[in-house]
């Protein structure tokens, strides 16, 4: 699944995935060009549980693709 706009980043919230398992569709993206994966030690709502870490990660991602 190539991202239509350009580089794309998928943020994996580690506490949402048992033993690091991702659904097959998301796992397949790991081999697709233009996709990168980043992780946060957070659950389903990182904007509530770790807002500072999420903001810093999004800022870092934006800096990398700019």
Foldseek 3Di string as FASTA:
>chain_A
DDDPPAADEDEAQVVADDPPDDPPVVVVCVPPPRYYYHYDPHHDCCCPVPVPVVVVVVVVVVVVVD
